[in-house]
Protein backbone atom coordinates (compact mmCIF):
# COMPACT_ATOMS: atom_id res chain seq x y z
CA UNK A 1 0.00 0.00 0.00
CA UNK A 2 1.32 3.39 -0.97
CA UNK A 3 -0.22 5.04 2.08
CA UNK A 4 1.74 2.80 4.45
CA UNK A 5 4.99 3.29 2.51
CA UNK A 6 4.51 7.07 2.62
CA UNK A 7 3.70 6.93 6.32
CA UNK A 8 6.87 4.96 7.03
CA UNK A 9 8.89 7.48 5.03
CA UNK A 10 7.43 10.32 7.11
CA UNK A 11 8.33 8.43 10.27
CA UNK A 12 11.91 8.08 9.00
CA UNK A 13 12.00 11.86 8.42
CA UNK A 14 10.82 12.43 11.96
CA UNK A 15 13.60 10.15 13.18
CA UNK A 16 16.23 12.03 11.19
CA UNK A 17 15.06 15.56 12.03
CA UNK A 18 12.77 15.40 15.07
CA UNK A 19 13.12 19.09 15.95
CA UNK A 20 11.95 20.14 12.48
CA UNK A 21 8.27 19.90 13.35
CA UNK A 22 6.25 22.17 15.65
CA UNK A 23 5.85 21.50 19.34
CA UNK A 24 2.35 20.93 20.68
CA UNK A 25 2.94 21.62 24.37
CA UNK A 26 -0.82 21.72 25.05
CA UNK A 27 -0.82 17.98 24.34
CA UNK A 28 2.03 17.21 26.71
CA UNK A 29 5.64 17.97 27.43
CA UNK A 30 7.84 17.46 24.40
CA UNK A 31 5.02 16.49 22.03
CA UNK A 32 5.51 17.48 18.39
CA UNK A 33 3.24 16.99 15.39
CA UNK A 34 3.67 16.24 11.72
CA UNK A 35 0.96 16.13 9.05
CA UNK A 36 0.71 13.16 6.69
CA UNK A 37 -2.13 13.60 4.21
CA UNK A 38 -5.20 13.81 6.43
CA UNK A 39 -3.47 12.43 9.50
CA UNK A 40 -1.56 13.97 12.39
CA UNK A 41 1.43 12.11 13.76
CA UNK A 42 2.20 12.99 17.36
CA UNK A 43 5.61 12.08 18.70
CA UNK A 44 8.24 12.97 21.24
CA UNK A 45 11.97 12.56 21.48
CA UNK A 46 13.21 10.74 24.56
CA UNK A 47 16.91 10.03 25.19
CA UNK A 48 17.83 10.62 21.52
CA UNK A 49 15.07 8.24 20.34
CA UNK A 50 11.78 9.19 18.73
CA UNK A 51 8.57 7.61 19.90
CA UNK A 52 5.41 7.93 17.79
CA UNK A 53 2.75 8.48 20.43
CA UNK A 54 -0.35 8.56 18.28
CA UNK A 55 -1.62 8.83 14.72
CA UNK A 56 -4.99 10.57 14.42
CA UNK A 57 -7.18 11.45 11.47
CA UNK A 58 -7.26 15.23 11.06
CA UNK A 59 -11.06 15.33 11.14
CA UNK A 60 -11.11 14.00 14.71
CA UNK A 61 -11.61 16.46 17.51
CA UNK A 62 -8.58 16.25 19.78
CA UNK A 63 -10.81 17.20 22.72
CA UNK A 64 -12.96 14.09 22.14
CA UNK A 65 -9.85 11.91 22.27
CA UNK A 66 -8.77 13.41 25.57
CA UNK A 67 -5.77 15.08 23.97
CA UNK A 68 -6.70 18.66 24.91
PDB file of N, CA and C in Angstrom:
ATOM      1  N   UNK A   1       0.837  -1.185   0.000  1.00  0.00           N
ATOM      2  CA  UNK A   1       0.000   0.000   0.000  1.00  0.00           C
ATOM      3  C   UNK A   1       0.880   1.245   0.000  1.00  0.00           C
ATOM      4  N   UNK A   2       0.559   2.140  -0.866  1.00  0.00           N
ATOM      5  CA  UNK A   2       1.323   3.386  -0.972  1.00  0.00           C
ATOM      6  C   UNK A   2       1.187   4.238   0.286  1.00  0.00           C
ATOM      7  N   UNK A   3      -0.006   4.241   0.867  1.00  0.00           N
ATOM      8  CA  UNK A   3      -0.221   5.037   2.077  1.00  0.00           C
ATOM      9  C   UNK A   3       0.741   4.600   3.179  1.00  0.00           C
ATOM     10  N   UNK A   4       0.873   3.321   3.388  1.00  0.00           N
ATOM     11  CA  UNK A   4       1.743   2.803   4.451  1.00  0.00           C
ATOM     12  C   UNK A   4       3.206   3.112   4.139  1.00  0.00           C
ATOM     13  N   UNK A   5       3.599   2.960   2.889  1.00  0.00           N
ATOM     14  CA  UNK A   5       4.986   3.294   2.509  1.00  0.00           C
ATOM     15  C   UNK A   5       5.270   4.771   2.768  1.00  0.00           C
ATOM     16  N   UNK A   6       4.334   5.626   2.391  1.00  0.00           N
ATOM     17  CA  UNK A   6       4.508   7.067   2.621  1.00  0.00           C
ATOM     18  C   UNK A   6       4.555   7.378   4.116  1.00  0.00           C
ATOM     19  N   UNK A   7       3.716   6.718   4.874  1.00  0.00           N
ATOM     20  CA  UNK A   7       3.695   6.926   6.324  1.00  0.00           C
ATOM     21  C   UNK A   7       5.034   6.524   6.940  1.00  0.00           C
ATOM     22  N   UNK A   8       5.563   5.398   6.521  1.00  0.00           N
ATOM     23  CA  UNK A   8       6.867   4.961   7.026  1.00  0.00           C
ATOM     24  C   UNK A   8       7.968   5.950   6.657  1.00  0.00           C
ATOM     25  N   UNK A   9       7.895   6.483   5.453  1.00  0.00           N
ATOM     26  CA  UNK A   9       8.886   7.481   5.029  1.00  0.00           C
ATOM     27  C   UNK A   9       8.797   8.729   5.909  1.00  0.00           C
ATOM     28  N   UNK A  10       7.590   9.158   6.221  1.00  0.00           N
ATOM     29  CA  UNK A  10       7.429  10.315   7.106  1.00  0.00           C
ATOM     30  C   UNK A  10       7.995  10.006   8.488  1.00  0.00           C
ATOM     31  N   UNK A  11       7.783   8.814   8.970  1.00  0.00           N
ATOM     32  CA  UNK A  11       8.332   8.432  10.274  1.00  0.00           C
ATOM     33  C   UNK A  11       9.859   8.440  10.238  1.00  0.00           C
ATOM     34  N   UNK A  12      10.445   8.018   9.133  1.00  0.00           N
ATOM     35  CA  UNK A  12      11.905   8.084   8.998  1.00  0.00           C
ATOM     36  C   UNK A  12      12.379   9.545   9.048  1.00  0.00           C
ATOM     37  N   UNK A  13      11.639  10.438   8.389  1.00  0.00           N
ATOM     38  CA  UNK A  13      12.002  11.859   8.417  1.00  0.00           C
ATOM     39  C   UNK A  13      11.934  12.407   9.831  1.00  0.00           C
ATOM     40  N   UNK A  14      10.920  12.004  10.559  1.00  0.00           N
ATOM     41  CA  UNK A  14      10.815  12.427  11.959  1.00  0.00           C
ATOM     42  C   UNK A  14      12.046  11.945  12.725  1.00  0.00           C
ATOM     43  N   UNK A  15      12.432  10.705  12.499  1.00  0.00           N
ATOM     44  CA  UNK A  15      13.599  10.150  13.184  1.00  0.00           C
ATOM     45  C   UNK A  15      14.894  10.875  12.852  1.00  0.00           C
ATOM     46  N   UNK A  16      15.016  11.333  11.607  1.00  0.00           N
ATOM     47  CA  UNK A  16      16.229  12.028  11.189  1.00  0.00           C
ATOM     48  C   UNK A  16      16.272  13.466  11.681  1.00  0.00           C
ATOM     49  N   UNK A  17      15.120  14.135  11.681  1.00  0.00           N
ATOM     50  CA  UNK A  17      15.062  15.562  12.028  1.00  0.00           C
ATOM     51  C   UNK A  17      13.899  15.833  12.977  1.00  0.00           C
ATOM     52  N   UNK A  18      13.932  15.274  14.172  1.00  0.00           N
ATOM     53  CA  UNK A  18      12.770  15.399  15.068  1.00  0.00           C
ATOM     54  C   UNK A  18      12.431  16.828  15.479  1.00  0.00           C
ATOM     55  N   UNK A  19      13.398  17.713  15.533  1.00  0.00           N
ATOM     56  CA  UNK A  19      13.119  19.087  15.952  1.00  0.00           C
ATOM     57  C   UNK A  19      12.576  19.949  14.819  1.00  0.00           C
ATOM     58  N   UNK A  20      12.413  19.371  13.641  1.00  0.00           N
ATOM     59  CA  UNK A  20      11.953  20.139  12.477  1.00  0.00           C
ATOM     60  C   UNK A  20      10.458  20.429  12.500  1.00  0.00           C
ATOM     61  N   UNK A  21       9.728  19.761  13.356  1.00  0.00           N
ATOM     62  CA  UNK A  21       8.273  19.895  13.351  1.00  0.00           C
ATOM     63  C   UNK A  21       7.822  20.623  14.610  1.00  0.00           C
ATOM     64  N   UNK A  22       6.669  21.301  14.541  1.00  0.00           N
ATOM     65  CA  UNK A  22       6.253  22.166  15.651  1.00  0.00           C
ATOM     66  C   UNK A  22       5.895  21.408  16.927  1.00  0.00           C
ATOM     67  N   UNK A  23       6.219  22.044  18.033  1.00  0.00           N
ATOM     68  CA  UNK A  23       5.851  21.503  19.339  1.00  0.00           C
ATOM     69  C   UNK A  23       4.373  21.744  19.585  1.00  0.00           C
ATOM     70  N   UNK A  24       3.761  20.815  20.301  1.00  0.00           N
ATOM     71  CA  UNK A  24       2.352  20.929  20.682  1.00  0.00           C
ATOM     72  C   UNK A  24       2.268  20.753  22.193  1.00  0.00           C
ATOM     73  N   UNK A  25       2.828  21.714  22.906  1.00  0.00           N
ATOM     74  CA  UNK A  25       2.944  21.622  24.366  1.00  0.00           C
ATOM     75  C   UNK A  25       1.597  21.449  25.060  1.00  0.00           C
ATOM     76  N   UNK A  26       0.505  21.903  24.438  1.00  0.00           N
ATOM     77  CA  UNK A  26      -0.824  21.715  25.045  1.00  0.00           C
ATOM     78  C   UNK A  26      -1.166  20.237  25.163  1.00  0.00           C
ATOM     79  N   UNK A  27      -0.541  19.417  24.340  1.00  0.00           N
ATOM     80  CA  UNK A  27      -0.820  17.978  24.345  1.00  0.00           C
ATOM     81  C   UNK A  27       0.085  17.208  25.291  1.00  0.00           C
ATOM     82  N   UNK A  28       1.115  17.865  25.786  1.00  0.00           N
ATOM     83  CA  UNK A  28       2.034  17.214  26.712  1.00  0.00           C
ATOM     84  C   UNK A  28       3.448  17.699  26.494  1.00  0.00           C
ATOM     85  N   UNK A  29       4.258  17.522  27.501  1.00  0.00           N
ATOM     86  CA  UNK A  29       5.642  17.972  27.434  1.00  0.00           C
ATOM     87  C   UNK A  29       6.391  17.242  26.324  1.00  0.00           C
ATOM     88  N   UNK A  30       7.011  18.021  25.449  1.00  0.00           N
ATOM     89  CA  UNK A  30       7.844  17.460  24.398  1.00  0.00           C
ATOM     90  C   UNK A  30       7.106  16.914  23.183  1.00  0.00           C
ATOM     91  N   UNK A  31       5.792  17.019  23.161  1.00  0.00           N
ATOM     92  CA  UNK A  31       5.019  16.492  22.027  1.00  0.00           C
ATOM     93  C   UNK A  31       5.189  17.398  20.818  1.00  0.00           C
ATOM     94  N   UNK A  32       5.430  16.786  19.674  1.00  0.00           N
ATOM     95  CA  UNK A  32       5.513  17.482  18.389  1.00  0.00           C
ATOM     96  C   UNK A  32       4.529  16.826  17.433  1.00  0.00           C
ATOM     97  N   UNK A  33       4.216  17.528  16.347  1.00  0.00           N
ATOM     98  CA  UNK A  33       3.242  16.994  15.394  1.00  0.00           C
ATOM     99  C   UNK A  33       3.728  17.179  13.963  1.00  0.00           C
ATOM    100  N   UNK A  34       3.387  16.198  13.148  1.00  0.00           N
ATOM    101  CA  UNK A  34       3.673  16.242  11.717  1.00  0.00           C
ATOM    102  C   UNK A  34       2.395  15.843  10.992  1.00  0.00           C
ATOM    103  N   UNK A  35       2.144  16.452   9.848  1.00  0.00           N
ATOM    104  CA  UNK A  35       0.965  16.132   9.050  1.00  0.00           C
ATOM    105  C   UNK A  35       1.364  15.156   7.943  1.00  0.00           C
ATOM    106  N   UNK A  36       0.564  14.116   7.798  1.00  0.00           N
ATOM    107  CA  UNK A  36       0.713  13.160   6.690  1.00  0.00           C
ATOM    108  C   UNK A  36      -0.665  12.995   6.066  1.00  0.00           C
ATOM    109  N   UNK A  37      -0.825  13.591   4.897  1.00  0.00           N
ATOM    110  CA  UNK A  37      -2.126  13.595   4.214  1.00  0.00           C
ATOM    111  C   UNK A  37      -3.174  14.146   5.166  1.00  0.00           C
ATOM    112  N   UNK A  38      -4.139  13.340   5.521  1.00  0.00           N
ATOM    113  CA  UNK A  38      -5.197  13.812   6.428  1.00  0.00           C
ATOM    114  C   UNK A  38      -4.973  13.380   7.870  1.00  0.00           C
ATOM    115  N   UNK A  39      -3.771  12.951   8.172  1.00  0.00           N
ATOM    116  CA  UNK A  39      -3.469  12.428   9.503  1.00  0.00           C
ATOM    117  C   UNK A  39      -2.453  13.303  10.220  1.00  0.00           C
ATOM    118  N   UNK A  40      -2.529  13.295  11.536  1.00  0.00           N
ATOM    119  CA  UNK A  40      -1.557  13.970  12.392  1.00  0.00           C
ATOM    120  C   UNK A  40      -0.754  12.891  13.107  1.00  0.00           C
ATOM    121  N   UNK A  41       0.540  13.021  13.042  1.00  0.00           N
ATOM    122  CA  UNK A  41       1.426  12.112  13.757  1.00  0.00           C
ATOM    123  C   UNK A  41       1.981  12.871  14.955  1.00  0.00           C
ATOM    124  N   UNK A  42       1.693  12.383  16.137  1.00  0.00           N
ATOM    125  CA  UNK A  42       2.200  12.994  17.357  1.00  0.00           C
ATOM    126  C   UNK A  42       3.350  12.145  17.876  1.00  0.00           C
ATOM    127  N   UNK A  43       4.426  12.814  18.243  1.00  0.00           N
ATOM    128  CA  UNK A  43       5.610  12.085  18.696  1.00  0.00           C
ATOM    129  C   UNK A  43       6.378  12.916  19.691  1.00  0.00           C
ATOM    130  N   UNK A  44       7.320  12.264  20.341  1.00  0.00           N
ATOM    131  CA  UNK A  44       8.237  12.968  21.239  1.00  0.00           C
ATOM    132  C   UNK A  44       9.601  12.304  21.145  1.00  0.00           C
ATOM    133  N   UNK A  45      10.602  13.075  21.465  1.00  0.00           N
ATOM    134  CA  UNK A  45      11.971  12.564  21.477  1.00  0.00           C
ATOM    135  C   UNK A  45      12.376  12.334  22.925  1.00  0.00           C
ATOM    136  N   UNK A  46      12.815  11.106  23.207  1.00  0.00           N
ATOM    137  CA  UNK A  46      13.213  10.735  24.559  1.00  0.00           C
ATOM    138  C   UNK A  46      14.574  10.044  24.480  1.00  0.00           C
ATOM    139  N   UNK A  47      15.566  10.622  25.165  1.00  0.00           N
ATOM    140  CA  UNK A  47      16.911  10.033  25.185  1.00  0.00           C
ATOM    141  C   UNK A  47      17.429   9.728  23.785  1.00  0.00           C
ATOM    142  N   UNK A  48      17.328  10.702  22.899  1.00  0.00           N
ATOM    143  CA  UNK A  48      17.826  10.619  21.524  1.00  0.00           C
ATOM    144  C   UNK A  48      17.084   9.574  20.680  1.00  0.00           C
ATOM    145  N   UNK A  49      15.919   9.137  21.136  1.00  0.00           N
ATOM    146  CA  UNK A  49      15.073   8.242  20.345  1.00  0.00           C
ATOM    147  C   UNK A  49      13.713   8.890  20.161  1.00  0.00           C
ATOM    148  N   UNK A  50      13.096   8.623  19.018  1.00  0.00           N
ATOM    149  CA  UNK A  50      11.783   9.188  18.727  1.00  0.00           C
ATOM    150  C   UNK A  50      10.726   8.120  18.955  1.00  0.00           C
ATOM    151  N   UNK A  51       9.683   8.513  19.645  1.00  0.00           N
ATOM    152  CA  UNK A  51       8.566   7.608  19.896  1.00  0.00           C
ATOM    153  C   UNK A  51       7.304   8.214  19.285  1.00  0.00           C
ATOM    154  N   UNK A  52       6.689   7.500  18.353  1.00  0.00           N
ATOM    155  CA  UNK A  52       5.413   7.926  17.789  1.00  0.00           C
ATOM    156  C   UNK A  52       4.363   7.614  18.849  1.00  0.00           C
ATOM    157  N   UNK A  53       3.724   8.653  19.351  1.00  0.00           N
ATOM    158  CA  UNK A  53       2.755   8.483  20.431  1.00  0.00           C
ATOM    159  C   UNK A  53       1.367   8.130  19.909  1.00  0.00           C
ATOM    160  N   UNK A  54       1.010   8.761  18.783  1.00  0.00           N
ATOM    161  CA  UNK A  54      -0.346   8.556  18.284  1.00  0.00           C
ATOM    162  C   UNK A  54      -0.447   9.043  16.851  1.00  0.00           C
ATOM    163  N   UNK A  55      -1.287   8.391  16.068  1.00  0.00           N
ATOM    164  CA  UNK A  55      -1.617   8.830  14.719  1.00  0.00           C
ATOM    165  C   UNK A  55      -3.131   9.012  14.693  1.00  0.00           C
ATOM    166  N   UNK A  56      -3.570  10.219  14.338  1.00  0.00           N
ATOM    167  CA  UNK A  56      -4.986  10.573  14.422  1.00  0.00           C
ATOM    168  C   UNK A  56      -5.436  11.193  13.110  1.00  0.00           C
ATOM    169  N   UNK A  57      -6.614  10.817  12.658  1.00  0.00           N
ATOM    170  CA  UNK A  57      -7.182  11.448  11.466  1.00  0.00           C
ATOM    171  C   UNK A  57      -7.456  12.918  11.785  1.00  0.00           C
ATOM    172  N   UNK A  58      -7.130  13.791  10.848  1.00  0.00           N
ATOM    173  CA  UNK A  58      -7.259  15.228  11.062  1.00  0.00           C
ATOM    174  C   UNK A  58      -8.668  15.717  11.297  1.00  0.00           C
ATOM    175  N   UNK A  59      -9.674  14.925  10.921  1.00  0.00           N
ATOM    176  CA  UNK A  59     -11.064  15.326  11.138  1.00  0.00           C
ATOM    177  C   UNK A  59     -11.514  15.074  12.578  1.00  0.00           C
ATOM    178  N   UNK A  60     -10.737  14.297  13.320  1.00  0.00           N
ATOM    179  CA  UNK A  60     -11.106  13.997  14.706  1.00  0.00           C
ATOM    180  C   UNK A  60     -10.887  15.220  15.577  1.00  0.00           C
ATOM    181  N   UNK A  61     -11.763  15.377  16.537  1.00  0.00           N
ATOM    182  CA  UNK A  61     -11.610  16.461  17.511  1.00  0.00           C
ATOM    183  C   UNK A  61     -10.679  15.970  18.613  1.00  0.00           C
ATOM    184  N   UNK A  62      -9.569  16.666  18.770  1.00  0.00           N
ATOM    185  CA  UNK A  62      -8.582  16.251  19.777  1.00  0.00           C
ATOM    186  C   UNK A  62      -9.182  16.246  21.171  1.00  0.00           C
ATOM    187  N   UNK A  63     -10.138  17.143  21.414  1.00  0.00           N
ATOM    188  CA  UNK A  63     -10.813  17.199  22.716  1.00  0.00           C
ATOM    189  C   UNK A  63     -11.554  15.893  22.994  1.00  0.00           C
ATOM    190  N   UNK A  64     -12.200  15.333  21.960  1.00  0.00           N
ATOM    191  CA  UNK A  64     -12.963  14.093  22.138  1.00  0.00           C
ATOM    192  C   UNK A  64     -12.054  12.908  22.423  1.00  0.00           C
ATOM    193  N   UNK A  65     -10.806  12.992  22.033  1.00  0.00           N
ATOM    194  CA  UNK A  65      -9.850  11.912  22.266  1.00  0.00           C
ATOM    195  C   UNK A  65      -9.111  12.068  23.583  1.00  0.00           C
ATOM    196  N   UNK A  66      -9.433  13.141  24.304  1.00  0.00           N
ATOM    197  CA  UNK A  66      -8.766  13.408  25.572  1.00  0.00           C
ATOM    198  C   UNK A  66      -7.370  13.966  25.396  1.00  0.00           C
ATOM    199  N   UNK A  67      -7.100  14.540  24.220  1.00  0.00           N
ATOM    200  CA  UNK A  67      -5.773  15.082  23.967  1.00  0.00           C
ATOM    201  C   UNK A  67      -5.648  16.554  24.331  1.00  0.00           C
ATOM    202  N   UNK A  68      -6.750  17.233  24.521  1.00  0.00           N
ATOM    203  CA  UNK A  68      -6.699  18.660  24.908  1.00  0.00           C
ATOM    204  C   UNK A  68      -7.486  18.879  26.162  1.00  0.00           C
TER     205      UNK A  68
END
